[in-house]
Amino acid sequence: MAKFTPLHDRILVRRVEEAATTRGGIIIPDSAKDKPQEGEVISVGKGRTNDEGKTFPLAVKEGDRVLFGKYSGTEIKIDGEDFLIMKEEEVLGILSGAAKKEAVGAKR
């Protein structure tokens, strides 16, 4: 992937796809699924700058799993891969331990 660094208080996010099968084994077609509202932060800008020129770093960092609103961000394509670019304020929260849960589920 080409190196992409967002400007100011923007972040680059890759959506995390949800499972296409329910616990009962029912396969959900793509047309019936909502786009995931969870993603992994790929790259972050330097931060927000105030009127005096002081820069405040972002609370999110590369590798964080985040939740965002349904209509947040702008969809972009880099090297054929889909991403979202959004302002940090559009992030609803950071998921801690999300990767650990997936690893536990994979061991079963």
N, C-alpha and C. Protein backbone atom coordinates (compact mmCIF):
# COMPACT_ATOMS: atom_id res chain seq x y z
N MET A 1 0.83 -1.18 0.00
CA MET A 1 0.00 0.00 0.00
C MET A 1 0.88 1.24 0.00
N ALA A 2 0.48 2.21 -0.76
CA ALA A 2 1.19 3.49 -0.77
C ALA A 2 1.06 4.13 0.61
N LYS A 3 2.08 4.84 1.02
CA LYS A 3 2.04 5.51 2.33
C LYS A 3 1.12 6.71 2.23
N PHE A 4 0.10 6.74 3.08
CA PHE A 4 -0.86 7.84 3.11
C PHE A 4 -0.91 8.40 4.52
N THR A 5 -0.64 9.68 4.67
CA THR A 5 -0.71 10.33 5.97
C THR A 5 -1.79 11.40 5.92
N PRO A 6 -2.87 11.24 6.70
CA PRO A 6 -3.92 12.26 6.72
C PRO A 6 -3.40 13.57 7.29
N LEU A 7 -4.03 14.65 6.94
CA LEU A 7 -3.65 15.96 7.45
C LEU A 7 -4.45 16.30 8.71
N HIS A 8 -3.84 17.09 9.57
CA HIS A 8 -4.45 17.67 10.76
C HIS A 8 -5.08 16.60 11.67
N ASP A 9 -6.39 16.71 11.95
CA ASP A 9 -7.04 15.80 12.90
C ASP A 9 -7.83 14.70 12.19
N ARG A 10 -7.37 14.33 11.00
CA ARG A 10 -8.04 13.25 10.27
C ARG A 10 -7.33 11.92 10.48
N ILE A 11 -8.10 10.83 10.30
CA ILE A 11 -7.53 9.49 10.44
C ILE A 11 -7.96 8.64 9.24
N LEU A 12 -7.15 7.65 8.91
CA LEU A 12 -7.45 6.70 7.84
C LEU A 12 -7.86 5.39 8.51
N VAL A 13 -9.04 4.87 8.15
CA VAL A 13 -9.59 3.69 8.80
C VAL A 13 -9.94 2.63 7.76
N ARG A 14 -9.61 1.37 8.08
CA ARG A 14 -10.04 0.23 7.26
C ARG A 14 -11.19 -0.43 8.01
N ARG A 15 -12.33 -0.57 7.33
CA ARG A 15 -13.48 -1.23 7.96
C ARG A 15 -13.13 -2.67 8.33
N VAL A 16 -13.66 -3.12 9.47
CA VAL A 16 -13.49 -4.50 9.89
C VAL A 16 -14.78 -5.21 9.52
N GLU A 17 -14.69 -6.19 8.65
CA GLU A 17 -15.88 -6.90 8.17
C GLU A 17 -16.45 -7.80 9.25
N GLU A 18 -17.79 -7.84 9.31
CA GLU A 18 -18.48 -8.72 10.24
C GLU A 18 -18.62 -10.10 9.61
N ALA A 19 -18.90 -11.09 10.44
CA ALA A 19 -19.08 -12.46 9.94
C ALA A 19 -20.29 -12.51 9.02
N ALA A 20 -20.20 -13.29 7.96
CA ALA A 20 -21.29 -13.40 6.99
C ALA A 20 -22.28 -14.51 7.36
N THR A 21 -22.02 -15.21 8.45
CA THR A 21 -22.88 -16.31 8.88
C THR A 21 -23.32 -16.08 10.32
N THR A 22 -24.60 -16.31 10.60
CA THR A 22 -25.10 -16.17 11.96
C THR A 22 -24.75 -17.42 12.77
N ARG A 23 -25.02 -17.38 14.07
CA ARG A 23 -24.72 -18.55 14.91
C ARG A 23 -25.52 -19.77 14.47
N GLY A 24 -26.72 -19.55 13.93
CA GLY A 24 -27.56 -20.66 13.47
C GLY A 24 -27.13 -21.20 12.12
N GLY A 25 -26.10 -20.60 11.52
CA GLY A 25 -25.59 -21.08 10.25
C GLY A 25 -26.23 -20.42 9.05
N ILE A 26 -27.07 -19.42 9.26
CA ILE A 26 -27.72 -18.73 8.15
C ILE A 26 -26.73 -17.77 7.51
N ILE A 27 -26.58 -17.87 6.21
CA ILE A 27 -25.66 -16.99 5.47
C ILE A 27 -26.41 -15.71 5.13
N ILE A 28 -25.81 -14.57 5.49
CA ILE A 28 -26.43 -13.27 5.24
C ILE A 28 -25.86 -12.72 3.93
N PRO A 29 -26.72 -12.45 2.93
CA PRO A 29 -26.20 -11.90 1.67
C PRO A 29 -25.67 -10.49 1.87
N ASP A 30 -24.69 -10.10 1.04
CA ASP A 30 -24.08 -8.78 1.14
C ASP A 30 -25.11 -7.66 1.04
N SER A 31 -26.13 -7.85 0.22
CA SER A 31 -27.13 -6.79 0.03
C SER A 31 -27.95 -6.53 1.29
N ALA A 32 -28.03 -7.50 2.19
CA ALA A 32 -28.84 -7.35 3.42
C ALA A 32 -28.01 -6.84 4.59
N LYS A 33 -26.69 -6.81 4.44
CA LYS A 33 -25.83 -6.39 5.54
C LYS A 33 -25.59 -4.89 5.49
N ASP A 34 -25.56 -4.28 6.68
CA ASP A 34 -25.12 -2.89 6.77
C ASP A 34 -23.60 -2.89 6.70
N LYS A 35 -23.04 -1.78 6.27
CA LYS A 35 -21.59 -1.66 6.30
C LYS A 35 -21.14 -1.61 7.75
N PRO A 36 -20.04 -2.26 8.06
CA PRO A 36 -19.59 -2.27 9.45
C PRO A 36 -19.27 -0.87 9.96
N GLN A 37 -19.53 -0.66 11.24
CA GLN A 37 -19.26 0.61 11.88
C GLN A 37 -18.06 0.48 12.81
N GLU A 38 -17.24 -0.49 12.52
CA GLU A 38 -16.04 -0.74 13.31
C GLU A 38 -14.87 -0.81 12.33
N GLY A 39 -13.73 -0.30 12.76
CA GLY A 39 -12.58 -0.32 11.87
C GLY A 39 -11.27 -0.25 12.61
N GLU A 40 -10.20 -0.43 11.85
CA GLU A 40 -8.84 -0.35 12.39
C GLU A 40 -8.19 0.92 11.86
N VAL A 41 -7.58 1.67 12.76
CA VAL A 41 -6.91 2.90 12.37
C VAL A 41 -5.60 2.53 11.67
N ILE A 42 -5.45 2.98 10.44
CA ILE A 42 -4.27 2.67 9.64
C ILE A 42 -3.23 3.77 9.75
N SER A 43 -3.68 5.03 9.75
CA SER A 43 -2.78 6.16 9.79
C SER A 43 -3.48 7.35 10.43
N VAL A 44 -2.73 8.21 11.11
CA VAL A 44 -3.30 9.39 11.76
C VAL A 44 -2.53 10.65 11.37
N GLY A 45 -3.23 11.77 11.40
CA GLY A 45 -2.60 13.06 11.15
C GLY A 45 -1.83 13.53 12.37
N LYS A 46 -1.19 14.68 12.26
CA LYS A 46 -0.37 15.21 13.36
C LYS A 46 -1.19 15.74 14.52
N GLY A 47 -2.43 16.14 14.28
CA GLY A 47 -3.28 16.65 15.34
C GLY A 47 -3.94 17.96 14.98
N ARG A 48 -4.75 18.43 15.91
CA ARG A 48 -5.50 19.68 15.72
C ARG A 48 -4.63 20.86 16.14
N THR A 49 -4.69 21.94 15.38
CA THR A 49 -3.92 23.14 15.68
C THR A 49 -4.86 24.26 16.08
N ASN A 50 -4.54 24.94 17.18
CA ASN A 50 -5.40 26.06 17.61
C ASN A 50 -4.95 27.36 16.94
N ASP A 51 -5.61 28.46 17.28
CA ASP A 51 -5.32 29.76 16.64
C ASP A 51 -3.90 30.26 16.90
N GLU A 52 -3.31 29.83 18.01
CA GLU A 52 -1.94 30.26 18.33
C GLU A 52 -0.88 29.40 17.65
N GLY A 53 -1.32 28.34 16.95
CA GLY A 53 -0.38 27.48 16.26
C GLY A 53 0.08 26.27 17.06
N LYS A 54 -0.48 26.07 18.27
CA LYS A 54 -0.11 24.92 19.09
C LYS A 54 -0.87 23.69 18.58
N THR A 55 -0.16 22.58 18.40
CA THR A 55 -0.77 21.34 17.91
C THR A 55 -1.07 20.40 19.06
N PHE A 56 -2.28 19.85 19.05
CA PHE A 56 -2.72 18.89 20.07
C PHE A 56 -2.80 17.52 19.41
N PRO A 57 -2.03 16.55 19.92
CA PRO A 57 -2.02 15.21 19.30
C PRO A 57 -3.38 14.52 19.43
N LEU A 58 -3.63 13.56 18.56
CA LEU A 58 -4.89 12.83 18.55
C LEU A 58 -4.92 11.77 19.66
N ALA A 59 -6.13 11.42 20.10
CA ALA A 59 -6.30 10.40 21.12
C ALA A 59 -6.19 8.99 20.53
N VAL A 60 -6.49 8.85 19.23
CA VAL A 60 -6.38 7.54 18.59
C VAL A 60 -5.01 7.40 17.96
N LYS A 61 -4.57 6.17 17.80
CA LYS A 61 -3.26 5.91 17.20
C LYS A 61 -3.38 4.74 16.22
N GLU A 62 -2.36 4.57 15.42
CA GLU A 62 -2.35 3.47 14.45
C GLU A 62 -2.54 2.15 15.17
N GLY A 63 -3.38 1.28 14.61
CA GLY A 63 -3.62 -0.04 15.19
C GLY A 63 -4.83 -0.10 16.11
N ASP A 64 -5.37 1.05 16.55
CA ASP A 64 -6.56 1.06 17.41
C ASP A 64 -7.77 0.54 16.64
N ARG A 65 -8.66 -0.19 17.36
CA ARG A 65 -9.96 -0.58 16.80
C ARG A 65 -10.96 0.46 17.29
N VAL A 66 -11.69 1.07 16.38
CA VAL A 66 -12.59 2.15 16.73
C VAL A 66 -14.01 1.89 16.23
N LEU A 67 -14.98 2.51 16.90
CA LEU A 67 -16.36 2.52 16.45
C LEU A 67 -16.66 3.91 15.92
N PHE A 68 -17.46 3.98 14.85
CA PHE A 68 -17.82 5.26 14.27
C PHE A 68 -19.26 5.21 13.80
N GLY A 69 -19.83 6.38 13.56
CA GLY A 69 -21.22 6.48 13.13
C GLY A 69 -21.45 5.89 11.75
N LYS A 70 -22.70 5.54 11.49
CA LYS A 70 -23.08 4.88 10.24
C LYS A 70 -22.68 5.68 9.00
N TYR A 71 -22.80 7.00 9.06
CA TYR A 71 -22.52 7.83 7.89
C TYR A 71 -21.24 8.65 8.05
N SER A 72 -20.35 8.19 8.89
CA SER A 72 -19.10 8.92 9.16
C SER A 72 -18.10 8.76 8.03
N GLY A 73 -17.28 9.77 7.87
CA GLY A 73 -16.15 9.69 6.96
C GLY A 73 -16.49 9.77 5.50
N THR A 74 -15.43 9.75 4.71
CA THR A 74 -15.51 9.78 3.25
C THR A 74 -14.82 8.53 2.75
N GLU A 75 -15.51 7.77 1.91
CA GLU A 75 -14.92 6.55 1.37
C GLU A 75 -13.90 6.91 0.30
N ILE A 76 -12.72 6.29 0.39
CA ILE A 76 -11.67 6.49 -0.61
C ILE A 76 -11.08 5.14 -0.98
N LYS A 77 -10.36 5.11 -2.08
CA LYS A 77 -9.71 3.88 -2.54
C LYS A 77 -8.23 4.17 -2.73
N ILE A 78 -7.38 3.36 -2.10
CA ILE A 78 -5.93 3.49 -2.25
C ILE A 78 -5.40 2.14 -2.70
N ASP A 79 -4.71 2.12 -3.81
CA ASP A 79 -4.18 0.88 -4.39
C ASP A 79 -5.25 -0.20 -4.50
N GLY A 80 -6.48 0.18 -4.87
CA GLY A 80 -7.57 -0.78 -5.06
C GLY A 80 -8.24 -1.24 -3.78
N GLU A 81 -7.83 -0.74 -2.63
CA GLU A 81 -8.41 -1.14 -1.35
C GLU A 81 -9.26 0.01 -0.79
N ASP A 82 -10.43 -0.34 -0.22
CA ASP A 82 -11.35 0.67 0.31
C ASP A 82 -10.98 1.08 1.73
N PHE A 83 -11.02 2.39 1.97
CA PHE A 83 -10.75 2.96 3.29
C PHE A 83 -11.76 4.06 3.56
N LEU A 84 -11.77 4.53 4.79
CA LEU A 84 -12.53 5.72 5.18
C LEU A 84 -11.54 6.74 5.71
N ILE A 85 -11.76 7.99 5.37
CA ILE A 85 -10.97 9.04 5.99
C ILE A 85 -11.97 9.91 6.74
N MET A 86 -11.70 10.17 8.01
CA MET A 86 -12.63 10.92 8.84
C MET A 86 -11.88 11.76 9.86
N LYS A 87 -12.58 12.74 10.40
CA LYS A 87 -12.01 13.53 11.49
C LYS A 87 -12.09 12.71 12.77
N GLU A 88 -11.16 12.96 13.67
CA GLU A 88 -11.14 12.21 14.92
C GLU A 88 -12.45 12.37 15.69
N GLU A 89 -13.08 13.53 15.60
CA GLU A 89 -14.32 13.76 16.34
C GLU A 89 -15.46 12.86 15.89
N GLU A 90 -15.36 12.23 14.71
CA GLU A 90 -16.38 11.30 14.24
C GLU A 90 -16.26 9.92 14.89
N VAL A 91 -15.14 9.66 15.55
CA VAL A 91 -14.94 8.38 16.24
C VAL A 91 -15.74 8.41 17.53
N LEU A 92 -16.55 7.36 17.74
CA LEU A 92 -17.39 7.28 18.93
C LEU A 92 -16.62 6.72 20.12
N GLY A 93 -15.66 5.83 19.86
CA GLY A 93 -14.88 5.25 20.94
C GLY A 93 -13.85 4.27 20.43
N ILE A 94 -12.94 3.90 21.32
CA ILE A 94 -11.88 2.94 21.01
C ILE A 94 -12.23 1.61 21.68
N LEU A 95 -12.15 0.53 20.92
CA LEU A 95 -12.41 -0.81 21.46
C LEU A 95 -11.11 -1.38 22.00
N SER A 96 -11.07 -1.62 23.29
CA SER A 96 -9.86 -2.24 23.84
C SER A 96 -10.13 -3.72 24.01
N GLY A 97 -9.15 -4.55 23.67
CA GLY A 97 -9.29 -5.99 23.79
C GLY A 97 -10.05 -6.63 22.64
N ALA A 98 -10.39 -5.89 21.60
CA ALA A 98 -11.15 -6.45 20.47
C ALA A 98 -10.36 -7.54 19.77
N ALA A 99 -9.07 -7.32 19.58
CA ALA A 99 -8.24 -8.32 18.90
C ALA A 99 -8.10 -9.57 19.75
N LYS A 100 -8.06 -9.42 21.06
CA LYS A 100 -7.93 -10.56 21.95
C LYS A 100 -9.14 -11.47 21.87
N LYS A 101 -10.35 -10.88 21.78
CA LYS A 101 -11.57 -11.67 21.68
C LYS A 101 -11.55 -12.53 20.42
N GLU A 102 -11.10 -11.96 19.30
CA GLU A 102 -11.03 -12.71 18.05
C GLU A 102 -10.06 -13.88 18.19
N ALA A 103 -8.94 -13.65 18.83
CA ALA A 103 -7.95 -14.71 18.99
C ALA A 103 -8.50 -15.85 19.84
N VAL A 104 -9.25 -15.52 20.89
CA VAL A 104 -9.85 -16.55 21.75
C VAL A 104 -10.87 -17.35 20.95
N GLY A 105 -11.69 -16.65 20.15
CA GLY A 105 -12.71 -17.33 19.35
C GLY A 105 -12.08 -18.25 18.31
N ALA A 106 -10.91 -17.91 17.82
CA ALA A 106 -10.24 -18.72 16.80
C ALA A 106 -9.67 -20.02 17.39
N LYS A 107 -9.41 -20.03 18.70
CA LYS A 107 -8.83 -21.22 19.32
C LYS A 107 -9.84 -22.31 19.57
N ARG A 108 -11.13 -21.96 19.55
CA ARG A 108 -12.16 -22.95 19.86
C ARG A 108 -12.23 -24.04 18.86
